[in-house]
Amino acid sequence: PELLYSTSGVNFSNVPVGSPSNISL
């Protein structure tokens, strides 16, 4: 078993104005 603090995410390109472009979790 493990206990971890974790970060992840994604960058999108060519998205319309007002759409998600950078997500960090």
PDB file of all heavy atoms in Angstrom:
ATOM      1  N   PRO A   1       0.845  -1.203   0.000  1.00  0.00           N
ATOM      2  CA  PRO A   1       0.000   0.000   0.000  1.00  0.00           C
ATOM      3  C   PRO A   1       0.879   1.252   0.000  1.00  0.00           C
ATOM      4  O   PRO A   1       1.998   1.245   0.530  1.00  0.00           O
ATOM      5  CB  PRO A   1      -0.793  -0.129   1.296  1.00  0.00           C
ATOM      6  CG  PRO A   1       0.083  -0.938   2.197  1.00  0.00           C
ATOM      7  CD  PRO A   1       0.881  -1.847   1.315  1.00  0.00           C
ATOM      8  N   GLU A   2       0.367   2.326  -0.597  1.00  0.00           N
ATOM      9  CA  GLU A   2       1.112   3.575  -0.690  1.00  0.00           C
ATOM     10  C   GLU A   2       0.173   4.749  -0.411  1.00  0.00           C
ATOM     11  O   GLU A   2      -1.039   4.661  -0.612  1.00  0.00           O
ATOM     12  CB  GLU A   2       1.726   3.737  -2.079  1.00  0.00           C
ATOM     13  CG  GLU A   2       2.666   2.620  -2.473  1.00  0.00           C
ATOM     14  CD  GLU A   2       3.136   2.710  -3.910  1.00  0.00           C
ATOM     15  OE1 GLU A   2       2.693   3.628  -4.634  1.00  0.00           O
ATOM     16  OE2 GLU A   2       3.933   1.863  -4.319  1.00  0.00           O
ATOM     17  N   LEU A   3       0.748   5.864   0.007  1.00  0.00           N
ATOM     18  CA  LEU A   3       0.021   7.114   0.181  1.00  0.00           C
ATOM     19  C   LEU A   3       0.837   8.200  -0.507  1.00  0.00           C
ATOM     20  O   LEU A   3       1.966   8.481  -0.105  1.00  0.00           O
ATOM     21  CB  LEU A   3      -0.174   7.425   1.666  1.00  0.00           C
ATOM     22  CG  LEU A   3      -0.957   8.696   1.988  1.00  0.00           C
ATOM     23  CD1 LEU A   3      -2.393   8.585   1.466  1.00  0.00           C
ATOM     24  CD2 LEU A   3      -0.950   8.978   3.475  1.00  0.00           C
ATOM     25  N   LEU A   4       0.254   8.814  -1.566  1.00  0.00           N
ATOM     26  CA  LEU A   4       1.010   9.717  -2.411  1.00  0.00           C
ATOM     27  C   LEU A   4       0.248  11.012  -2.675  1.00  0.00           C
ATOM     28  O   LEU A   4      -0.968  10.995  -2.915  1.00  0.00           O
ATOM     29  CB  LEU A   4       1.324   9.058  -3.765  1.00  0.00           C
ATOM     30  CG  LEU A   4       2.022   7.705  -3.743  1.00  0.00           C
ATOM     31  CD1 LEU A   4       2.006   7.090  -5.129  1.00  0.00           C
ATOM     32  CD2 LEU A   4       3.448   7.857  -3.232  1.00  0.00           C
ATOM     33  N   TYR A   5       0.972  12.115  -2.643  1.00  0.00           N
ATOM     34  CA  TYR A   5       0.454  13.387  -3.165  1.00  0.00           C
ATOM     35  C   TYR A   5       0.883  13.458  -4.617  1.00  0.00           C
ATOM     36  O   TYR A   5       2.068  13.343  -4.929  1.00  0.00           O
ATOM     37  CB  TYR A   5       1.000  14.566  -2.369  1.00  0.00           C
ATOM     38  CG  TYR A   5       0.491  15.900  -2.863  1.00  0.00           C
ATOM     39  CD1 TYR A   5      -0.769  16.357  -2.480  1.00  0.00           C
ATOM     40  CD2 TYR A   5       1.254  16.678  -3.709  1.00  0.00           C
ATOM     41  CE1 TYR A   5      -1.243  17.572  -2.929  1.00  0.00           C
ATOM     42  CE2 TYR A   5       0.785  17.904  -4.169  1.00  0.00           C
ATOM     43  CZ  TYR A   5      -0.465  18.341  -3.776  1.00  0.00           C
ATOM     44  OH  TYR A   5      -0.944  19.544  -4.228  1.00  0.00           O
ATOM     45  N   SER A   6      -0.068  13.646  -5.527  1.00  0.00           N
ATOM     46  CA  SER A   6       0.215  13.496  -6.950  1.00  0.00           C
ATOM     47  C   SER A   6      -0.294  14.689  -7.748  1.00  0.00           C
ATOM     48  O   SER A   6      -1.370  15.233  -7.462  1.00  0.00           O
ATOM     49  CB  SER A   6      -0.445  12.212  -7.471  1.00  0.00           C
ATOM     50  OG  SER A   6      -0.208  12.034  -8.843  1.00  0.00           O
ATOM     51  N   THR A   7       0.477  15.097  -8.760  1.00  0.00           N
ATOM     52  CA  THR A   7       0.040  16.126  -9.688  1.00  0.00           C
ATOM     53  C   THR A   7       0.041  15.556 -11.105  1.00  0.00           C
ATOM     54  O   THR A   7       0.849  14.688 -11.438  1.00  0.00           O
ATOM     55  CB  THR A   7       0.952  17.366  -9.642  1.00  0.00           C
ATOM     56  OG1 THR A   7       2.257  17.028 -10.133  1.00  0.00           O
ATOM     57  CG2 THR A   7       1.072  17.914  -8.231  1.00  0.00           C
ATOM     58  N   SER A   8      -0.871  16.046 -11.913  1.00  0.00           N
ATOM     59  CA  SER A   8      -0.948  15.629 -13.318  1.00  0.00           C
ATOM     60  C   SER A   8      -1.676  16.702 -14.096  1.00  0.00           C
ATOM     61  O   SER A   8      -2.213  17.656 -13.526  1.00  0.00           O
ATOM     62  CB  SER A   8      -1.669  14.281 -13.459  1.00  0.00           C
ATOM     63  OG  SER A   8      -2.999  14.394 -13.002  1.00  0.00           O
ATOM     64  N   GLY A   9      -1.732  16.536 -15.405  1.00  0.00           N
ATOM     65  CA  GLY A   9      -2.458  17.510 -16.212  1.00  0.00           C
ATOM     66  C   GLY A   9      -2.160  17.377 -17.684  1.00  0.00           C
ATOM     67  O   GLY A   9      -1.480  16.444 -18.126  1.00  0.00           O
ATOM     68  N   VAL A  10      -2.676  18.334 -18.442  1.00  0.00           N
ATOM     69  CA  VAL A  10      -2.531  18.303 -19.896  1.00  0.00           C
ATOM     70  C   VAL A  10      -2.625  19.723 -20.442  1.00  0.00           C
ATOM     71  O   VAL A  10      -3.288  20.584 -19.862  1.00  0.00           O
ATOM     72  CB  VAL A  10      -3.625  17.395 -20.531  1.00  0.00           C
ATOM     73  CG1 VAL A  10      -4.997  17.984 -20.330  1.00  0.00           C
ATOM     74  CG2 VAL A  10      -3.349  17.138 -21.997  1.00  0.00           C
ATOM     75  N   ASN A  11      -1.922  19.950 -21.543  1.00  0.00           N
ATOM     76  CA  ASN A  11      -2.021  21.199 -22.288  1.00  0.00           C
ATOM     77  C   ASN A  11      -2.665  20.918 -23.632  1.00  0.00           C
ATOM     78  O   ASN A  11      -2.279  19.968 -24.324  1.00  0.00           O
ATOM     79  CB  ASN A  11      -0.633  21.815 -22.518  1.00  0.00           C
ATOM     80  CG  ASN A  11      -0.017  22.342 -21.244  1.00  0.00           C
ATOM     81  OD1 ASN A  11      -0.681  22.999 -20.451  1.00  0.00           O
ATOM     82  ND2 ASN A  11       1.255  22.061 -21.036  1.00  0.00           N
ATOM     83  N   PHE A  12      -3.663  21.741 -24.015  1.00  0.00           N
ATOM     84  CA  PHE A  12      -4.304  21.611 -25.315  1.00  0.00           C
ATOM     85  C   PHE A  12      -3.910  22.790 -26.198  1.00  0.00           C
ATOM     86  O   PHE A  12      -3.762  23.914 -25.719  1.00  0.00           O
ATOM     87  CB  PHE A  12      -5.829  21.580 -25.182  1.00  0.00           C
ATOM     88  CG  PHE A  12      -6.357  20.334 -24.547  1.00  0.00           C
ATOM     89  CD1 PHE A  12      -6.862  20.351 -23.263  1.00  0.00           C
ATOM     90  CD2 PHE A  12      -6.353  19.131 -25.239  1.00  0.00           C
ATOM     91  CE1 PHE A  12      -7.355  19.199 -22.678  1.00  0.00           C
ATOM     92  CE2 PHE A  12      -6.836  17.976 -24.661  1.00  0.00           C
ATOM     93  CZ  PHE A  12      -7.343  18.010 -23.379  1.00  0.00           C
ATOM     94  N   SER A  13      -3.756  22.536 -27.492  1.00  0.00           N
ATOM     95  CA  SER A  13      -3.483  23.601 -28.456  1.00  0.00           C
ATOM     96  C   SER A  13      -4.568  23.599 -29.520  1.00  0.00           C
ATOM     97  O   SER A  13      -5.282  22.615 -29.704  1.00  0.00           O
ATOM     98  CB  SER A  13      -2.100  23.413 -29.092  1.00  0.00           C
ATOM     99  OG  SER A  13      -2.003  22.142 -29.706  1.00  0.00           O
ATOM    100  N   ASN A  14      -4.697  24.724 -30.208  1.00  0.00           N
ATOM    101  CA  ASN A  14      -5.711  24.930 -31.254  1.00  0.00           C
ATOM    102  C   ASN A  14      -7.132  24.859 -30.699  1.00  0.00           C
ATOM    103  O   ASN A  14      -8.044  24.375 -31.365  1.00  0.00           O
ATOM    104  CB  ASN A  14      -5.558  23.904 -32.387  1.00  0.00           C
ATOM    105  CG  ASN A  14      -4.198  23.974 -33.049  1.00  0.00           C
ATOM    106  OD1 ASN A  14      -3.640  25.053 -33.210  1.00  0.00           O
ATOM    107  ND2 ASN A  14      -3.662  22.822 -33.414  1.00  0.00           N
ATOM    108  N   VAL A  15      -7.315  25.321 -29.461  1.00  0.00           N
ATOM    109  CA  VAL A  15      -8.657  25.300 -28.880  1.00  0.00           C
ATOM    110  C   VAL A  15      -9.359  26.637 -29.130  1.00  0.00           C
ATOM    111  O   VAL A  15      -8.708  27.682 -29.201  1.00  0.00           O
ATOM    112  CB  VAL A  15      -8.607  25.007 -27.360  1.00  0.00           C
ATOM    113  CG1 VAL A  15      -8.074  23.620 -27.099  1.00  0.00           C
ATOM    114  CG2 VAL A  15      -7.779  26.049 -26.631  1.00  0.00           C
ATOM    115  N   PRO A  16     -10.683  26.625 -29.261  1.00  0.00           N
ATOM    116  CA  PRO A  16     -11.426  27.884 -29.422  1.00  0.00           C
ATOM    117  C   PRO A  16     -11.310  28.741 -28.165  1.00  0.00           C
ATOM    118  O   PRO A  16     -11.043  28.242 -27.073  1.00  0.00           O
ATOM    119  CB  PRO A  16     -12.871  27.416 -29.636  1.00  0.00           C
ATOM    120  CG  PRO A  16     -12.774  25.973 -30.024  1.00  0.00           C
ATOM    121  CD  PRO A  16     -11.542  25.448 -29.354  1.00  0.00           C
ATOM    122  N   VAL A  17     -11.519  30.036 -28.323  1.00  0.00           N
ATOM    123  CA  VAL A  17     -11.499  30.951 -27.185  1.00  0.00           C
ATOM    124  C   VAL A  17     -12.583  30.540 -26.198  1.00  0.00           C
ATOM    125  O   VAL A  17     -13.725  30.271 -26.567  1.00  0.00           O
ATOM    126  CB  VAL A  17     -11.726  32.402 -27.655  1.00  0.00           C
ATOM    127  CG1 VAL A  17     -11.864  33.335 -26.448  1.00  0.00           C
ATOM    128  CG2 VAL A  17     -10.588  32.846 -28.548  1.00  0.00           C
ATOM    129  N   GLY A  18     -12.200  30.437 -24.942  1.00  0.00           N
ATOM    130  CA  GLY A  18     -13.133  30.044 -23.906  1.00  0.00           C
ATOM    131  C   GLY A  18     -13.171  28.567 -23.616  1.00  0.00           C
ATOM    132  O   GLY A  18     -13.852  28.133 -22.700  1.00  0.00           O
ATOM    133  N   SER A  19     -12.425  27.749 -24.382  1.00  0.00           N
ATOM    134  CA  SER A  19     -12.354  26.307 -24.139  1.00  0.00           C
ATOM    135  C   SER A  19     -11.150  25.995 -23.248  1.00  0.00           C
ATOM    136  O   SER A  19     -10.189  26.761 -23.199  1.00  0.00           O
ATOM    137  CB  SER A  19     -12.229  25.543 -25.453  1.00  0.00           C
ATOM    138  OG  SER A  19     -13.405  25.676 -26.224  1.00  0.00           O
ATOM    139  N   PRO A  20     -11.175  24.863 -22.548  1.00  0.00           N
ATOM    140  CA  PRO A  20     -10.040  24.498 -21.688  1.00  0.00           C
ATOM    141  C   PRO A  20      -8.753  24.342 -22.496  1.00  0.00           C
ATOM    142  O   PRO A  20      -8.734  23.681 -23.529  1.00  0.00           O
ATOM    143  CB  PRO A  20     -10.470  23.154 -21.095  1.00  0.00           C
ATOM    144  CG  PRO A  20     -11.950  23.119 -21.234  1.00  0.00           C
ATOM    145  CD  PRO A  20     -12.271  23.885 -22.465  1.00  0.00           C
ATOM    146  N   SER A  21      -7.685  24.985 -22.031  1.00  0.00           N
ATOM    147  CA  SER A  21      -6.403  24.886 -22.731  1.00  0.00           C
ATOM    148  C   SER A  21      -5.282  24.366 -21.838  1.00  0.00           C
ATOM    149  O   SER A  21      -4.286  23.855 -22.331  1.00  0.00           O
ATOM    150  CB  SER A  21      -5.996  26.255 -23.299  1.00  0.00           C
ATOM    151  OG  SER A  21      -5.885  27.209 -22.261  1.00  0.00           O
ATOM    152  N   ASN A  22      -5.437  24.488 -20.527  1.00  0.00           N
ATOM    153  CA  ASN A  22      -4.410  24.049 -19.596  1.00  0.00           C
ATOM    154  C   ASN A  22      -5.098  23.525 -18.341  1.00  0.00           C
ATOM    155  O   ASN A  22      -5.818  24.263 -17.669  1.00  0.00           O
ATOM    156  CB  ASN A  22      -3.473  25.217 -19.252  1.00  0.00           C
ATOM    157  CG  ASN A  22      -2.294  24.779 -18.429  1.00  0.00           C
ATOM    158  OD1 ASN A  22      -2.324  23.736 -17.788  1.00  0.00           O
ATOM    159  ND2 ASN A  22      -1.255  25.589 -18.404  1.00  0.00           N
ATOM    160  N   ILE A  23      -4.898  22.235 -18.035  1.00  0.00           N
ATOM    161  CA  ILE A  23      -5.543  21.614 -16.876  1.00  0.00           C
ATOM    162  C   ILE A  23      -4.470  21.052 -15.953  1.00  0.00           C
ATOM    163  O   ILE A  23      -3.589  20.315 -16.402  1.00  0.00           O
ATOM    164  CB  ILE A  23      -6.501  20.489 -17.305  1.00  0.00           C
ATOM    165  CG1 ILE A  23      -7.615  21.044 -18.198  1.00  0.00           C
ATOM    166  CG2 ILE A  23      -7.095  19.786 -16.094  1.00  0.00           C
ATOM    167  CD1 ILE A  23      -8.495  19.983 -18.803  1.00  0.00           C
ATOM    168  N   SER A  24      -4.545  21.410 -14.674  1.00  0.00           N
ATOM    169  CA  SER A  24      -3.637  20.869 -13.664  1.00  0.00           C
ATOM    170  C   SER A  24      -4.467  20.300 -12.518  1.00  0.00           C
ATOM    171  O   SER A  24      -5.376  20.968 -12.015  1.00  0.00           O
ATOM    172  CB  SER A  24      -2.695  21.954 -13.128  1.00  0.00           C
ATOM    173  OG  SER A  24      -1.868  22.453 -14.145  1.00  0.00           O
ATOM    174  N   LEU A  25      -4.141  19.062 -12.126  1.00  0.00           N
ATOM    175  CA  LEU A  25      -4.874  18.381 -11.068  1.00  0.00           C
ATOM    176  C   LEU A  25      -3.918  17.982  -9.947  1.00  0.00           C
ATOM    177  O   LEU A  25      -2.810  17.515 -10.206  1.00  0.00           O
ATOM    178  CB  LEU A  25      -5.571  17.128 -11.611  1.00  0.00           C
ATOM    179  CG  LEU A  25      -6.540  17.332 -12.773  1.00  0.00           C
ATOM    180  CD1 LEU A  25      -7.074  15.994 -13.254  1.00  0.00           C
ATOM    181  CD2 LEU A  25      -7.682  18.257 -12.379  1.00  0.00           C
TER     182      LEU A  25
END
